[in-house]
Amino acid sequence: MAKIRITQVKSKNGKPERQKRTLEALGITKLNHSVEHEATLAIMGMVEKVRHLVKVENI
């Protein structure tokens, strides 16, 4: 599996609770925080739901 780096680039303030919880489930805690995950279908689905708040890079 390929690895991806997910970085939060926009604030979650004012966003729906579901999007905040998705960021939390990905392990992102604050702005400009990055995490690395395997590019599984589940992870990619979560990233798709918050794509307007994050930046994704292939590693």
N, C-alpha and C. Protein backbone atom coordinates (compact mmCIF):
# COMPACT_ATOMS: atom_id res chain seq x y z
N MET A 1 0.84 -1.19 0.00
CA MET A 1 0.00 0.00 0.00
C MET A 1 0.88 1.25 0.00
N ALA A 2 0.39 2.24 -0.68
CA ALA A 2 1.09 3.52 -0.69
C ALA A 2 0.79 4.27 0.60
N LYS A 3 1.71 5.13 0.98
CA LYS A 3 1.50 5.96 2.17
C LYS A 3 1.18 7.38 1.70
N ILE A 4 0.36 8.05 2.50
CA ILE A 4 0.01 9.44 2.22
C ILE A 4 0.25 10.27 3.48
N ARG A 5 0.55 11.54 3.27
CA ARG A 5 0.67 12.51 4.36
C ARG A 5 -0.51 13.46 4.24
N ILE A 6 -1.24 13.61 5.33
CA ILE A 6 -2.42 14.47 5.36
C ILE A 6 -2.12 15.64 6.29
N THR A 7 -2.28 16.86 5.79
CA THR A 7 -2.00 18.07 6.55
C THR A 7 -3.24 18.95 6.56
N GLN A 8 -3.65 19.39 7.75
CA GLN A 8 -4.79 20.30 7.84
C GLN A 8 -4.32 21.70 7.46
N VAL A 9 -4.99 22.32 6.47
CA VAL A 9 -4.58 23.64 6.00
C VAL A 9 -5.66 24.70 6.24
N LYS A 10 -6.87 24.28 6.60
CA LYS A 10 -7.93 25.23 6.90
C LYS A 10 -8.54 24.88 8.25
N SER A 11 -9.06 25.88 8.92
CA SER A 11 -9.62 25.70 10.25
C SER A 11 -10.91 24.88 10.22
N LYS A 12 -11.14 24.13 11.31
CA LYS A 12 -12.37 23.36 11.43
C LYS A 12 -13.45 24.14 12.18
N ASN A 13 -13.13 25.37 12.63
CA ASN A 13 -14.12 26.20 13.31
C ASN A 13 -15.29 26.52 12.38
N GLY A 14 -16.49 26.34 12.88
CA GLY A 14 -17.68 26.64 12.10
C GLY A 14 -18.09 25.53 11.15
N LYS A 15 -17.35 24.43 11.14
CA LYS A 15 -17.68 23.31 10.26
C LYS A 15 -18.60 22.34 11.00
N PRO A 16 -19.34 21.51 10.29
CA PRO A 16 -20.23 20.54 10.93
C PRO A 16 -19.47 19.58 11.85
N GLU A 17 -20.15 19.13 12.90
CA GLU A 17 -19.54 18.22 13.87
C GLU A 17 -18.99 16.97 13.20
N ARG A 18 -19.65 16.49 12.16
CA ARG A 18 -19.21 15.28 11.46
C ARG A 18 -17.82 15.47 10.84
N GLN A 19 -17.56 16.65 10.28
CA GLN A 19 -16.25 16.91 9.68
C GLN A 19 -15.18 17.05 10.77
N LYS A 20 -15.54 17.65 11.91
CA LYS A 20 -14.59 17.76 13.01
C LYS A 20 -14.20 16.38 13.53
N ARG A 21 -15.17 15.50 13.63
CA ARG A 21 -14.90 14.15 14.12
C ARG A 21 -14.10 13.34 13.10
N THR A 22 -14.30 13.61 11.82
CA THR A 22 -13.52 12.92 10.80
C THR A 22 -12.05 13.31 10.91
N LEU A 23 -11.77 14.60 11.11
CA LEU A 23 -10.39 15.05 11.30
C LEU A 23 -9.78 14.40 12.54
N GLU A 24 -10.56 14.31 13.60
CA GLU A 24 -10.10 13.68 14.83
C GLU A 24 -9.80 12.20 14.61
N ALA A 25 -10.64 11.53 13.85
CA ALA A 25 -10.43 10.11 13.56
C ALA A 25 -9.18 9.89 12.72
N LEU A 26 -8.84 10.86 11.89
CA LEU A 26 -7.61 10.77 11.10
C LEU A 26 -6.37 11.05 11.94
N GLY A 27 -6.56 11.60 13.13
CA GLY A 27 -5.44 11.88 14.01
C GLY A 27 -4.93 13.31 13.90
N ILE A 28 -5.69 14.15 13.24
CA ILE A 28 -5.29 15.55 13.07
C ILE A 28 -5.87 16.35 14.22
N THR A 29 -5.01 17.05 14.96
CA THR A 29 -5.46 17.74 16.16
C THR A 29 -5.51 19.26 16.02
N LYS A 30 -4.68 19.82 15.16
CA LYS A 30 -4.68 21.27 15.04
C LYS A 30 -4.21 21.69 13.65
N LEU A 31 -4.34 22.96 13.36
CA LEU A 31 -3.98 23.51 12.07
C LEU A 31 -2.50 23.27 11.77
N ASN A 32 -2.18 22.93 10.55
CA ASN A 32 -0.83 22.63 10.06
C ASN A 32 -0.23 21.37 10.66
N HIS A 33 -1.04 20.54 11.29
CA HIS A 33 -0.59 19.27 11.84
C HIS A 33 -0.65 18.22 10.74
N SER A 34 0.38 17.39 10.62
CA SER A 34 0.43 16.36 9.60
C SER A 34 0.44 14.98 10.22
N VAL A 35 -0.19 14.04 9.54
CA VAL A 35 -0.16 12.63 9.94
C VAL A 35 0.09 11.80 8.70
N GLU A 36 0.62 10.60 8.90
CA GLU A 36 0.86 9.68 7.80
C GLU A 36 0.01 8.44 7.98
N HIS A 37 -0.62 8.00 6.90
CA HIS A 37 -1.47 6.82 6.91
C HIS A 37 -1.23 6.00 5.66
N GLU A 38 -1.60 4.73 5.72
CA GLU A 38 -1.66 3.90 4.52
C GLU A 38 -2.85 4.38 3.70
N ALA A 39 -2.75 4.33 2.39
CA ALA A 39 -3.82 4.81 1.50
C ALA A 39 -4.87 3.72 1.30
N THR A 40 -5.57 3.36 2.38
CA THR A 40 -6.63 2.36 2.28
C THR A 40 -7.92 3.04 1.82
N LEU A 41 -8.88 2.24 1.43
CA LEU A 41 -10.17 2.79 1.00
C LEU A 41 -10.85 3.57 2.11
N ALA A 42 -10.77 3.08 3.34
CA ALA A 42 -11.40 3.77 4.47
C ALA A 42 -10.77 5.15 4.70
N ILE A 43 -9.45 5.20 4.69
CA ILE A 43 -8.75 6.47 4.90
C ILE A 43 -9.04 7.43 3.75
N MET A 44 -9.01 6.94 2.53
CA MET A 44 -9.27 7.81 1.38
C MET A 44 -10.71 8.33 1.40
N GLY A 45 -11.64 7.53 1.89
CA GLY A 45 -13.03 7.98 2.03
C GLY A 45 -13.15 9.10 3.04
N MET A 46 -12.42 8.98 4.15
CA MET A 46 -12.45 10.04 5.17
C MET A 46 -11.80 11.31 4.63
N VAL A 47 -10.71 11.16 3.91
CA VAL A 47 -10.04 12.32 3.32
C VAL A 47 -10.96 13.02 2.33
N GLU A 48 -11.70 12.27 1.56
CA GLU A 48 -12.63 12.84 0.58
C GLU A 48 -13.69 13.71 1.25
N LYS A 49 -14.12 13.33 2.45
CA LYS A 49 -15.16 14.09 3.17
C LYS A 49 -14.65 15.42 3.69
N VAL A 50 -13.35 15.53 3.91
CA VAL A 50 -12.78 16.79 4.43
C VAL A 50 -11.73 17.36 3.49
N ARG A 51 -11.85 17.05 2.20
CA ARG A 51 -10.83 17.46 1.23
C ARG A 51 -10.65 18.97 1.14
N HIS A 52 -11.68 19.75 1.52
CA HIS A 52 -11.58 21.21 1.48
C HIS A 52 -10.80 21.77 2.68
N LEU A 53 -10.48 20.91 3.66
CA LEU A 53 -9.74 21.34 4.85
C LEU A 53 -8.31 20.82 4.90
N VAL A 54 -7.98 19.86 4.04
CA VAL A 54 -6.68 19.20 4.14
C VAL A 54 -5.93 19.23 2.81
N LYS A 55 -4.63 18.97 2.93
CA LYS A 55 -3.76 18.78 1.76
C LYS A 55 -3.21 17.36 1.86
N VAL A 56 -3.21 16.63 0.74
CA VAL A 56 -2.76 15.25 0.73
C VAL A 56 -1.56 15.12 -0.19
N GLU A 57 -0.50 14.46 0.33
CA GLU A 57 0.71 14.23 -0.45
C GLU A 57 1.02 12.74 -0.44
N ASN A 58 1.47 12.23 -1.57
CA ASN A 58 1.95 10.85 -1.63
C ASN A 58 3.38 10.81 -1.09
N ILE A 59 3.70 9.75 -0.39
CA ILE A 59 5.05 9.61 0.17
C ILE A 59 5.77 8.52 -0.59
